[in-house]
Amino acid sequence: MGIFCCVRGGWLVALGLLLVSLPSLAQTPTPARDTSFTVYSALAKARKTNPAITLARPAVPATIRSRMNVPYCTASGRALQFDVFYPKARRRGGYPAVLLIHGGGWRSGDRSQHVPMAQQLAARGFVAVTAEYRLSTEAPYPAAVLDLKAAVRWLRAHAREYHLNPEQIATWGFSAGGQLAALLGTTNEETRFDSLAYNTGYSSQVQAIVDVDGILAFIHPESGEGDDRKSTSAATYWFGSPKTERPDLWRQASALTYVGPRTPPILFLNSSVDRMHAGRDDMMRQLSQFNIYHEVHTFPDAPHPFPLFNPWFQPTLDYTVAFLNKVFGRK
């Protein structure tokens, strides 16, 4: 495991990356970000094979409200934030909530990438939240999982403020975010990931999962993660150890490990890049054995970051809304 080091008065002070601080007025600055994955760099790369695609930036719906930079917990000495988008109109019983988790190899990316999707979900009758979480440049696994579990608890603690239904919370994630979305849902009963001491009186369980091209099993014949022969893989950075040294961590972070009779319904939305959904077919077979509702929709010839671009943004939104309406019993 890596460490941060600082020198004060000639003494070397080593701070473990997973230490979680108490709330404080003096916040530690956000670590330097890895900007290797952005919507613009992804667009430039995807246009090499799909020259007609465009960045999805639909008009902001007039029927929604937004609150930006809302802190939901403190970790590694700083406040973690998210942006909340919700309908202006009130609804008896509240609206279902969707926690959107960005991708970027657990190392790069940021929550702004899915603001357009969150805005459109809010216009369709959801409280949509784009979440920040600690990346591997700041803290290794399981920090991101702890953060997002705390985010779910925050949503329940503030249900009345945002008119959301605390019994209907879904996770939605793309790429590394899809892996995290699936892991959050399949570990509903795993208390080991609820160690951040924020809103501990509320549950971190979720009732539905939307996995957009996120890996389901790290140690799997279909997975490319952990192949460090040419360069260190994103997952190796995240876990802080090669899979040959800590296979227990790699299995612990795989949603496929936890599938059981109480796993929530799952929607899989996938590109044509098979390694991006390693373990999906095995998971679907297990879901079928437990009679758990699931759907899969694949976009042929779509690049991995397809939900960020036209023409795939709208069908991604439509599939998401139809699935959540079905599992939450909404017309």
Foldseek 3Di string as FASTA:
>chain_A
DDWDWDADPNDIDTDALFAFDADDPDADDDPDADAPDDLVNVVVVQCVPVVPKDFDDDDQDPQKDKDFFDFQGGGPRHTWGKMKIAGPDADVLFFAEEEEEEDDLLGHDAQVLCPRLQRVVRVVGYTYMRTDFHGLVRHAPPRRLLVLLSVLLSCVVCCVVRRHNNQAYAYEYAQQSLLSRLQQQLVQPPCVSPPRPGSVVGGSHHAEYERELAEQACPAPLAPQLPDPPHHHSNCSRNVHRCVVCVVVRRNSHSLNRDDLRRHEYEYEYEPRRNSHGPPVVSVVSCVVSVHHYYYDYDYPADRVNCRIPPRVVVVSVVVSVVSCVSVVHD
